[in-house]
């Protein structure tokens, strides 16, 4: 069995063999697997004990081409299977790649996308779904002249900000590229709200404010979302009224304009997290501003080409994942339809992962790890609960949702090539819906809803089994 574990101390993608597909569980699964208990845990064995041959859809309605699961190599040359992307992106200003998170093979593919596009073209900004305040830190790492000093900065200043080791590996790849091809220097941007708002407050905002107002008593020990929100107007006024542009006691990239941006992004974070009913709207408003405002990352869109990585919800350009009645834009919809610099000049890719394995995260105490998002914590907690109950082993491939016939249909298409990642090159949506209708109107409605997102919302869909 090929294995691709996502990030050290994180779940990974484990690609089952054909024999394991037909059996429905991994050969490393515990004896006496209990599908009902797994279902109660919100999990399912891959592929839930159902032979993929039982799929109701005809196999000739989908065609795929295999892709490598490998990371980028040392000389950035193993990108030949992405030539189709290079051709598709040659005439656009922005490529958006959306994913479901936490799959190592997706991380590998993201790396190869970056360098395939830059080997044959030049995309001078790569944007990730990290909080905006990290932007100058990441670029400073890329700019440090000496490798030893760069590694010290990476380990001492950056590592705690990044959730996964794959992010650190990617930074090293980009630094190596920039040193090899300085004429195609890649900059990094971060587009999200300040999810780690305590870290932003304690490690970025307060040190700057202490430089310009050393007499002020900052309540670092009492950091909550509510008291940050109450303090931000006062902090903004202090910064705006200060004559200090770059305090000598801070990193050279910690400047007054940057701090004002961080305060604005913290204000957006407080709005988003204060009421979960409006979280998506406030977050999307902040992301669009962070991408397109000239005070943030907007100038990059006017002076060159851009790659954006985010969750698939954010990146659809063919159909807007936010829905017709939403009062906000997703990045894909806004950049494709509204923003002058990229209007009608985008290309989108959807990266959909399926099976995960627990691996080195078995029994992990998440409170001793780096800052991790709520969704990831829920995934690991669910998998570890199943592991503790002897429902799965460390290497048991698990789905985090019930697999349906559309999933089986797509996975079947990859089975002849040992379930390698694959690009969908032909998908007969109309016939799939007709065959679904022959089962039942309710089944057809369910399939149609899912087809709206996969593969309907992006220009190209890639399956990572």
Protein backbone atom coordinates (compact mmCIF):
# COMPACT_ATOMS: atom_id res chain seq x y z
CA UNK A 1 0.00 0.00 0.00
CA UNK A 2 1.31 3.47 -0.86
CA UNK A 3 1.07 5.91 2.01
CA UNK A 4 1.15 9.66 2.09
CA UNK A 5 0.87 10.92 5.59
CA UNK A 6 -0.13 14.52 5.91
CA UNK A 7 2.40 16.53 7.86
CA UNK A 8 4.44 15.31 10.78
CA UNK A 9 2.08 14.90 13.73
CA UNK A 10 -0.94 15.15 11.49
CA UNK A 11 -3.35 12.83 9.73
CA UNK A 12 -2.28 11.54 6.37
CA UNK A 13 -3.73 10.23 3.21
CA UNK A 14 -3.39 6.49 2.87
CA UNK A 15 -4.26 5.08 -0.54
CA UNK A 16 -5.75 1.58 -0.21
CA UNK A 17 -4.90 -1.21 -2.60
CA UNK A 18 -7.46 -2.83 -4.90
CA UNK A 19 -7.71 -5.78 -2.52
CA UNK A 20 -8.49 -3.47 0.36
CA UNK A 21 -11.12 -1.68 -1.70
CA UNK A 22 -12.89 -4.97 -2.42
CA UNK A 23 -12.69 -5.97 1.24
CA UNK A 24 -13.90 -2.58 2.33
CA UNK A 25 -11.36 -2.17 5.14
CA UNK A 26 -7.60 -1.90 5.52
CA UNK A 27 -5.52 -4.98 6.21
CA UNK A 28 -4.23 -3.01 9.19
CA UNK A 29 -7.73 -2.54 10.63
CA UNK A 30 -8.56 -4.26 13.93
CA UNK A 31 -10.24 -7.66 13.83
CA UNK A 32 -13.99 -7.38 14.29
CA UNK A 33 -14.45 -3.94 12.72
CA UNK A 34 -17.80 -2.45 13.67
CA UNK A 35 -19.29 -0.33 10.87
CA UNK A 36 -22.27 0.62 13.02
CA UNK A 37 -20.04 1.93 15.79
CA UNK A 38 -17.97 3.82 13.24
CA UNK A 39 -21.14 5.39 11.87
CA UNK A 40 -22.09 6.55 15.36
CA UNK A 41 -18.64 8.13 15.58
CA UNK A 42 -19.30 10.02 12.33
CA UNK A 43 -16.72 7.94 10.46
CA UNK A 44 -16.78 5.09 7.97
CA UNK A 45 -14.33 2.46 6.84
CA UNK A 46 -13.07 3.07 3.36
CA UNK A 47 -15.06 2.27 1.28
CA UNK A 48 -17.67 1.36 3.90
CA UNK A 49 -17.71 -2.32 3.00
CA UNK A 50 -19.32 -1.69 -0.38
CA UNK A 51 -17.55 -3.03 -3.43
CA UNK A 52 -16.91 -0.18 -5.85
CA UNK A 53 -18.31 -2.35 -8.66
CA UNK A 54 -21.75 -1.90 -7.12
CA UNK A 55 -21.83 1.76 -8.16
CA UNK A 56 -25.08 2.56 -9.99
CA UNK A 57 -23.37 4.79 -12.58
CA UNK A 58 -21.88 3.48 -15.82
CA UNK A 59 -18.09 3.53 -15.75
CA UNK A 60 -17.81 5.02 -19.25
CA UNK A 61 -19.34 8.33 -18.11
CA UNK A 62 -16.05 9.53 -16.62
CA UNK A 63 -12.48 9.63 -17.95
CA UNK A 64 -9.43 10.53 -15.89
CA UNK A 65 -5.70 11.01 -16.37
CA UNK A 66 -3.32 9.99 -13.56
CA UNK A 67 -1.15 12.47 -11.69
CA UNK A 68 1.88 11.94 -9.50
CA UNK A 69 1.49 11.96 -5.72
CA UNK A 70 5.14 13.03 -5.27
CA UNK A 71 6.35 16.31 -3.84
CA UNK A 72 8.40 18.68 -6.00
CA UNK A 73 11.96 17.44 -6.58
CA UNK A 74 15.20 19.31 -5.96
CA UNK A 75 15.49 20.82 -9.44
CA UNK A 76 11.75 21.58 -9.81
CA UNK A 77 11.52 19.39 -12.90
CA UNK A 78 8.91 16.71 -12.05
CA UNK A 79 5.95 18.67 -13.36
CA UNK A 80 5.39 17.12 -16.80
CA UNK A 81 1.99 15.73 -15.78
CA UNK A 82 0.85 19.33 -15.19
CA UNK A 83 1.52 20.61 -18.72
CA UNK A 84 -2.25 20.86 -19.25
CA UNK A 85 -2.36 23.39 -16.39
CA UNK A 86 0.48 25.42 -17.83
CA UNK A 87 -1.42 25.67 -21.11
CA UNK A 88 -4.71 26.57 -19.40
CA UNK A 89 -3.09 29.24 -17.23
CA UNK A 90 -1.10 30.92 -19.98
CA UNK A 91 -3.86 33.37 -20.79
CA UNK A 92 -5.17 34.20 -17.31
CA UNK A 93 -4.15 36.53 -14.49
CA UNK A 94 -5.10 34.35 -11.55
CA UNK A 95 -5.14 30.60 -10.84
CA UNK A 96 -7.21 29.46 -7.87
CA UNK A 97 -6.74 25.98 -6.37
CA UNK A 98 -9.30 24.82 -3.82
CA UNK A 99 -9.00 21.81 -1.54
CA UNK A 100 -10.51 19.92 1.33
CA UNK A 101 -7.79 20.30 3.92
CA UNK A 102 -5.26 18.06 5.67
CA UNK A 103 -4.14 15.66 2.91
CA UNK A 104 -0.42 15.24 2.35
CA UNK A 105 -0.77 14.34 -1.33
CA UNK A 106 -2.77 17.53 -1.84
CA UNK A 107 0.09 19.45 -0.25
CA UNK A 108 2.52 17.77 -2.65
CA UNK A 109 0.33 18.68 -5.60
CA UNK A 110 0.07 22.29 -4.45
CA UNK A 111 3.86 22.52 -4.41
CA UNK A 112 4.14 21.13 -7.91
CA UNK A 113 1.43 23.52 -9.15
CA UNK A 114 3.44 26.50 -7.88
CA UNK A 115 6.61 25.50 -9.66
CA UNK A 116 5.02 24.12 -12.83
CA UNK A 117 3.40 27.50 -13.40
CA UNK A 118 6.56 29.41 -12.60
CA UNK A 119 8.86 27.24 -14.71
CA UNK A 120 6.85 28.12 -17.79
CA UNK A 121 5.39 31.50 -16.82
CA UNK A 122 5.72 33.88 -13.88
CA UNK A 123 3.19 34.06 -11.04
CA UNK A 124 4.89 36.50 -8.71
CA UNK A 125 2.50 36.13 -5.74
CA UNK A 126 1.29 32.91 -4.12
CA UNK A 127 -1.49 33.39 -1.58
CA UNK A 128 -2.30 30.96 1.22
CA UNK A 129 -5.25 30.70 3.59
CA UNK A 130 -3.22 31.88 6.59
CA UNK A 131 -3.85 34.97 8.66
CA UNK A 132 -2.80 38.21 6.97
CA UNK A 133 -0.35 39.27 9.69
CA UNK A 134 2.07 36.47 8.74
CA UNK A 135 2.68 37.96 5.28
CA UNK A 136 5.83 40.03 6.01
CA UNK A 137 7.27 37.34 8.30
CA UNK A 138 7.12 34.76 5.51
CA UNK A 139 8.63 37.11 2.95
CA UNK A 140 11.38 38.15 5.35
CA UNK A 141 12.37 34.49 5.65
CA UNK A 142 12.61 34.29 1.85
CA UNK A 143 14.77 37.43 1.73
CA UNK A 144 17.38 36.55 4.39
CA UNK A 145 20.69 36.21 2.58
CA UNK A 146 22.40 33.49 4.63
CA UNK A 147 20.79 30.06 4.79
CA UNK A 148 21.82 29.49 8.40
CA UNK A 149 20.26 32.77 9.50
CA UNK A 150 17.14 31.96 7.51
CA UNK A 151 16.78 28.60 9.28
CA UNK A 152 17.18 30.26 12.67
CA UNK A 153 14.44 32.75 11.80
CA UNK A 154 12.23 29.95 10.50
CA UNK A 155 12.61 27.86 13.64
CA UNK A 156 12.55 30.64 16.22
CA UNK A 157 10.06 33.11 14.73
CA UNK A 158 7.87 31.24 12.24
CA UNK A 159 7.47 27.61 13.26
CA UNK A 160 5.05 28.32 16.11
CA UNK A 161 2.81 30.33 13.78
CA UNK A 162 2.45 27.52 11.25
CA UNK A 163 0.16 24.62 12.06
CA UNK A 164 1.80 21.93 9.95
CA UNK A 165 5.27 20.81 8.98
CA UNK A 166 4.17 20.73 5.32
CA UNK A 167 3.98 24.51 5.45
CA UNK A 168 7.58 24.70 6.62
CA UNK A 169 8.67 22.31 3.86
CA UNK A 170 6.90 24.50 1.30
CA UNK A 171 8.67 27.62 2.57
CA UNK A 172 12.01 25.89 2.09
CA UNK A 173 11.00 24.92 -1.45
CA UNK A 174 10.08 28.52 -2.31
CA UNK A 175 13.27 29.89 -0.76
CA UNK A 176 15.32 27.39 -2.79
CA UNK A 177 13.44 28.46 -5.94
CA UNK A 178 14.09 32.15 -5.27
CA UNK A 179 17.80 31.51 -4.77
CA UNK A 180 17.93 29.47 -7.98
CA UNK A 181 15.74 31.73 -10.14
CA UNK A 182 15.92 35.25 -8.65
CA UNK A 183 14.53 36.70 -11.88
CA UNK A 184 11.29 34.85 -11.05
CA UNK A 185 11.17 35.71 -7.36
CA UNK A 186 8.03 34.35 -5.68
CA UNK A 187 6.37 36.47 -2.99
CA UNK A 188 3.96 35.04 -0.42
CA UNK A 189 0.67 36.56 0.68
CA UNK A 190 -1.76 35.54 3.41
CA UNK A 191 -5.43 36.38 3.03
CA UNK A 192 -7.35 35.24 6.10
CA UNK A 193 -8.56 36.82 9.33
CA UNK A 194 -6.47 36.51 12.50
CA UNK A 195 -7.59 33.09 13.68
CA UNK A 196 -4.72 33.03 16.20
CA UNK A 197 -5.76 36.44 17.50
CA UNK A 198 -4.00 35.98 20.85
CA UNK A 199 -0.71 35.38 19.10
CA UNK A 200 -1.25 38.41 16.88
CA UNK A 201 -2.01 40.57 19.91
CA UNK A 202 0.86 39.35 22.08
CA UNK A 203 3.62 38.91 19.50
CA UNK A 204 2.92 41.58 16.88
CA UNK A 205 0.63 44.33 18.15
CA UNK A 206 1.78 44.74 21.76
CA UNK A 207 5.55 44.88 20.97
CA UNK A 208 4.90 47.69 18.47
CA UNK A 209 2.69 49.60 20.91
CA UNK A 210 5.24 49.20 23.71
CA UNK A 211 7.82 50.85 21.48
CA UNK A 212 5.65 53.89 20.77
CA UNK A 213 4.00 54.08 24.23
CA UNK A 214 6.33 52.43 26.77
CA UNK A 215 4.35 53.82 29.70
CA UNK A 216 1.15 52.00 28.66
CA UNK A 217 0.19 48.90 30.69
CA UNK A 218 -0.88 46.23 28.21
CA UNK A 219 -3.13 43.43 29.59
CA UNK A 220 -1.31 40.60 27.85
CA UNK A 221 -2.31 38.07 30.50
CA UNK A 222 -6.02 38.75 29.97
CA UNK A 223 -6.32 38.29 26.22
CA UNK A 224 -9.86 37.45 25.17
CA UNK A 225 -11.71 38.28 22.00
CA UNK A 226 -13.97 40.63 23.93
CA UNK A 227 -11.24 42.73 25.56
CA UNK A 228 -9.22 42.87 22.34
CA UNK A 229 -12.30 44.21 20.58
CA UNK A 230 -12.74 46.84 23.30
CA UNK A 231 -9.09 47.92 23.13
CA UNK A 232 -8.65 48.11 19.34
CA UNK A 233 -10.13 51.63 18.85
CA UNK A 234 -7.71 53.01 21.45
CA UNK A 235 -4.80 51.13 19.90
CA UNK A 236 -5.69 52.42 16.44
CA UNK A 237 -5.69 55.99 17.72
CA UNK A 238 -2.32 55.50 19.42
CA UNK A 239 -0.76 54.23 16.19
CA UNK A 240 -2.34 56.87 13.97
CA UNK A 241 -1.19 59.71 16.24
CA UNK A 242 2.35 58.37 16.60
CA UNK A 243 5.16 59.80 14.50
CA UNK A 244 7.02 56.49 14.67
CA UNK A 245 6.92 54.61 11.35
CA UNK A 246 9.29 51.75 12.22
CA UNK A 247 10.32 51.29 15.86
CA UNK A 248 13.93 50.24 16.26
CA UNK A 249 13.02 47.50 18.71
CA UNK A 250 10.89 45.59 16.19
CA UNK A 251 11.69 43.68 13.01
CA UNK A 252 12.28 46.06 10.11
CA UNK A 253 9.06 44.93 8.40
CA UNK A 254 6.93 45.83 11.45
CA UNK A 255 5.88 49.28 10.29
CA UNK A 256 3.06 51.69 11.05
CA UNK A 257 1.09 50.93 7.84
CA UNK A 258 1.41 47.19 8.50
CA UNK A 259 0.25 47.53 12.11
CA UNK A 260 -2.78 49.56 10.99
CA UNK A 261 -3.60 46.72 8.59
CA UNK A 262 -3.23 44.19 11.40
CA UNK A 263 -5.57 46.22 13.62
CA UNK A 264 -8.13 46.35 10.80
CA UNK A 265 -7.84 42.60 10.31
CA UNK A 266 -8.24 42.04 14.05
CA UNK A 267 -11.39 44.16 13.95
CA UNK A 268 -12.69 41.94 11.14
CA UNK A 269 -11.79 38.88 13.20
CA UNK A 270 -13.74 40.18 16.19
CA UNK A 271 -16.79 40.83 14.00
CA UNK A 272 -16.61 37.37 12.46
CA UNK A 273 -16.15 35.50 15.73
CA UNK A 274 -18.58 37.57 17.79
CA UNK A 275 -21.64 36.05 16.11
CA UNK A 276 -21.31 32.73 14.27
CA UNK A 277 -24.41 33.53 12.21
CA UNK A 278 -22.42 36.17 10.35
CA UNK A 279 -19.01 34.55 10.53
CA UNK A 280 -18.82 33.67 6.82
CA UNK A 281 -19.95 37.09 5.67
CA UNK A 282 -17.50 39.06 7.83
CA UNK A 283 -14.67 36.66 7.07
CA UNK A 284 -15.28 36.86 3.32
CA UNK A 285 -15.43 40.65 3.41
CA UNK A 286 -12.05 40.65 5.15
CA UNK A 287 -10.50 38.13 2.75
CA UNK A 288 -11.64 40.08 -0.32
CA UNK A 289 -10.23 43.29 1.20
CA UNK A 290 -6.94 41.60 2.13
CA UNK A 291 -6.56 40.31 -1.42
CA UNK A 292 -7.60 43.35 -3.42
CA UNK A 293 -7.03 46.51 -1.38
CA UNK A 294 -3.87 48.35 -2.47
CA UNK A 295 -3.05 48.73 1.24
CA UNK A 296 -2.89 44.94 1.54
CA UNK A 297 -2.12 42.63 -1.45
CA UNK A 298 -3.99 44.43 -4.23
CA UNK A 299 -0.99 45.85 -6.07
CA UNK A 300 0.24 42.35 -6.92
CA UNK A 301 -2.89 41.68 -8.98
CA UNK A 302 -2.23 44.77 -11.10
CA UNK A 303 1.46 44.14 -11.70
CA UNK A 304 1.59 40.40 -12.37
CA UNK A 305 -0.02 36.99 -12.09
CA UNK A 306 -1.25 35.41 -8.86
CA UNK A 307 -1.89 31.89 -7.51
CA UNK A 308 -4.39 31.47 -4.66
CA UNK A 309 -4.74 28.38 -2.47
CA UNK A 310 -7.74 28.01 -0.17
CA UNK A 311 -10.57 25.68 0.70
CA UNK A 312 -12.75 24.63 -2.24
CA UNK A 313 -15.61 26.73 -0.90
CA UNK A 314 -13.57 29.84 -1.63
CA UNK A 315 -12.17 29.13 -5.09
CA UNK A 316 -14.98 28.12 -7.43
CA UNK A 317 -15.11 30.24 -10.59
CA UNK A 318 -17.60 28.32 -12.73
CA UNK A 319 -20.30 28.38 -10.06
CA UNK A 320 -20.31 30.57 -6.96
CA UNK A 321 -20.18 28.32 -3.91
CA UNK A 322 -21.70 31.01 -1.71
CA UNK A 323 -25.13 30.52 -3.31
CA UNK A 324 -27.46 32.91 -5.10
CA UNK A 325 -28.95 34.44 -1.93
CA UNK A 326 -25.66 35.10 -0.12
CA UNK A 327 -24.75 38.64 0.95
CA UNK A 328 -21.03 38.12 0.36
CA UNK A 329 -18.61 37.00 -2.35
CA UNK A 330 -16.25 34.06 -2.38
CA UNK A 331 -12.77 34.77 -3.73
CA UNK A 332 -13.40 32.86 -6.95
CA UNK A 333 -16.66 34.65 -7.69
CA UNK A 334 -15.31 38.10 -6.87
CA UNK A 335 -12.08 37.80 -8.81
CA UNK A 336 -13.81 36.28 -11.83
CA UNK A 337 -16.80 38.58 -12.03
CA UNK A 338 -16.15 41.80 -10.09
CA UNK A 339 -12.48 42.71 -9.76
CA UNK A 340 -11.09 44.69 -12.71
CA UNK A 341 -7.60 43.20 -12.61
CA UNK A 342 -8.84 39.60 -12.94
CA UNK A 343 -12.35 39.81 -14.39
CA UNK A 344 -12.87 36.91 -16.83
CA UNK A 345 -9.18 36.04 -16.43
CA UNK A 346 -9.15 33.23 -13.85
CA UNK A 347 -8.72 29.47 -13.90
CA UNK A 348 -9.80 27.22 -11.03
CA UNK A 349 -8.80 23.73 -9.89
CA UNK A 350 -10.56 21.61 -7.29
CA UNK A 351 -8.48 19.14 -5.25
CA UNK A 352 -10.67 16.57 -3.48
CA UNK A 353 -9.13 14.13 -1.00
CA UNK A 354 -10.87 11.01 0.27
CA UNK A 355 -9.15 8.62 2.72
CA UNK A 356 -7.22 9.64 5.84
CA UNK A 357 -5.11 7.64 8.27
CA UNK A 358 -4.36 8.54 11.87
CA UNK A 359 -0.68 7.48 11.93
CA UNK A 360 1.53 9.51 14.30
CA UNK A 361 -1.41 11.50 15.65
CA UNK A 362 -2.68 8.42 17.51
CA UNK A 363 -3.12 9.40 21.16
CA UNK A 364 -1.79 12.93 20.59
CA UNK A 365 -2.56 15.67 23.11
CA UNK A 366 -3.67 18.50 20.83
CA UNK A 367 -3.13 21.05 23.60
CA UNK A 368 0.62 20.48 23.35
CA UNK A 369 0.69 21.08 19.59
CA UNK A 370 0.74 24.24 17.47
CA UNK A 371 -2.26 26.45 16.83
CA UNK A 372 -4.80 24.22 15.09
CA UNK A 373 -8.20 25.03 13.63
CA UNK A 374 -11.48 23.78 15.08
CA UNK A 375 -12.21 21.49 12.13
CA UNK A 376 -8.85 19.78 12.34
CA UNK A 377 -9.19 19.25 16.08
CA UNK A 378 -12.59 17.67 15.50
CA UNK A 379 -11.14 15.32 12.87
CA UNK A 380 -8.30 14.17 15.11
CA UNK A 381 -10.57 13.83 18.14
CA UNK A 382 -12.99 11.63 16.18
CA UNK A 383 -10.21 9.45 14.79
CA UNK A 384 -8.56 9.07 18.18
CA UNK A 385 -11.87 8.14 19.79
CA UNK A 386 -12.28 5.38 17.20
CA UNK A 387 -8.66 4.34 17.78
CA UNK A 388 -9.16 4.17 21.55
CA UNK A 389 -12.24 1.99 21.04
CA UNK A 390 -10.21 -0.36 18.81
CA UNK A 391 -12.36 0.47 15.78
CA UNK A 392 -9.36 1.52 13.70
CA UNK A 393 -5.62 1.00 13.68
CA UNK A 394 -3.08 3.73 12.99
CA UNK A 395 -3.01 2.82 9.30
CA UNK A 396 -6.71 2.18 8.74
CA UNK A 397 -7.96 4.35 5.83
CA UNK A 398 -11.02 6.23 7.03
CA UNK A 399 -13.57 8.52 5.44
CA UNK A 400 -14.86 11.48 7.43
CA UNK A 401 -18.19 11.33 5.63
CA UNK A 402 -20.50 8.52 4.39
CA UNK A 403 -19.35 7.48 0.92
CA UNK A 404 -22.11 7.59 -1.67
CA UNK A 405 -22.44 6.32 -5.24
CA UNK A 406 -20.97 9.50 -6.72
CA UNK A 407 -17.83 9.02 -4.62
CA UNK A 408 -17.65 5.38 -5.75
CA UNK A 409 -18.11 6.49 -9.35
CA UNK A 410 -15.12 8.82 -9.17
CA UNK A 411 -12.93 6.42 -7.23
CA UNK A 412 -13.74 3.60 -9.64
CA UNK A 413 -12.25 5.71 -12.41
CA UNK A 414 -8.88 5.69 -10.61
CA UNK A 415 -8.86 2.00 -9.68
CA UNK A 416 -7.09 0.76 -12.83
CA UNK A 417 -4.05 2.87 -11.93
CA UNK A 418 -3.76 1.81 -8.29
CA UNK A 419 -5.87 4.74 -7.09
CA UNK A 420 -3.34 7.41 -7.98
CA UNK A 421 -4.45 11.04 -7.92
CA UNK A 422 -6.22 11.78 -11.19
CA UNK A 423 -7.58 14.69 -13.19
CA UNK A 424 -11.12 14.36 -14.51
CA UNK A 425 -10.93 15.01 -18.26
CA UNK A 426 -14.47 14.00 -19.17
CA UNK A 427 -17.60 13.85 -17.02
CA UNK A 428 -21.01 13.26 -18.61
CA UNK A 429 -23.12 15.17 -16.11
CA UNK A 430 -26.37 14.86 -18.07
CA UNK A 431 -26.17 11.08 -18.35
CA UNK A 432 -25.16 10.74 -14.70
CA UNK A 433 -28.31 12.64 -13.75
CA UNK A 434 -30.43 10.51 -16.07
CA UNK A 435 -29.09 7.35 -14.47
CA UNK A 436 -29.71 8.83 -11.03
CA UNK A 437 -33.29 9.64 -12.01
CA UNK A 438 -33.81 6.00 -12.97
CA UNK A 439 -33.06 5.07 -9.35
CA UNK A 440 -35.43 7.60 -7.80
CA UNK A 441 -36.25 11.32 -7.99
CA UNK A 442 -34.92 11.77 -4.45
CA UNK A 443 -31.62 10.12 -5.35
CA UNK A 444 -31.33 12.30 -8.46
CA UNK A 445 -31.91 15.43 -6.38
CA UNK A 446 -29.18 14.40 -3.96
CA UNK A 447 -26.71 13.73 -6.77
CA UNK A 448 -27.55 16.99 -8.54
CA UNK A 449 -26.85 18.98 -5.37
CA UNK A 450 -23.46 17.33 -5.00
CA UNK A 451 -22.58 17.80 -8.68
CA UNK A 452 -23.02 21.53 -8.18
CA UNK A 453 -19.83 21.49 -6.14
CA UNK A 454 -17.92 18.46 -7.47
CA UNK A 455 -17.03 18.81 -10.28
CA UNK A 456 -19.33 21.68 -11.23
CA UNK A 457 -17.88 24.69 -9.42
CA UNK A 458 -14.31 24.67 -10.81
CA UNK A 459 -12.77 24.56 -14.27
CA UNK A 460 -10.96 21.29 -13.49
CA UNK A 461 -11.43 18.68 -10.75
CA UNK A 462 -8.71 16.41 -9.38
CA UNK A 463 -9.40 13.32 -7.27
CA UNK A 464 -6.94 12.28 -4.56
CA UNK A 465 -8.19 8.82 -3.41
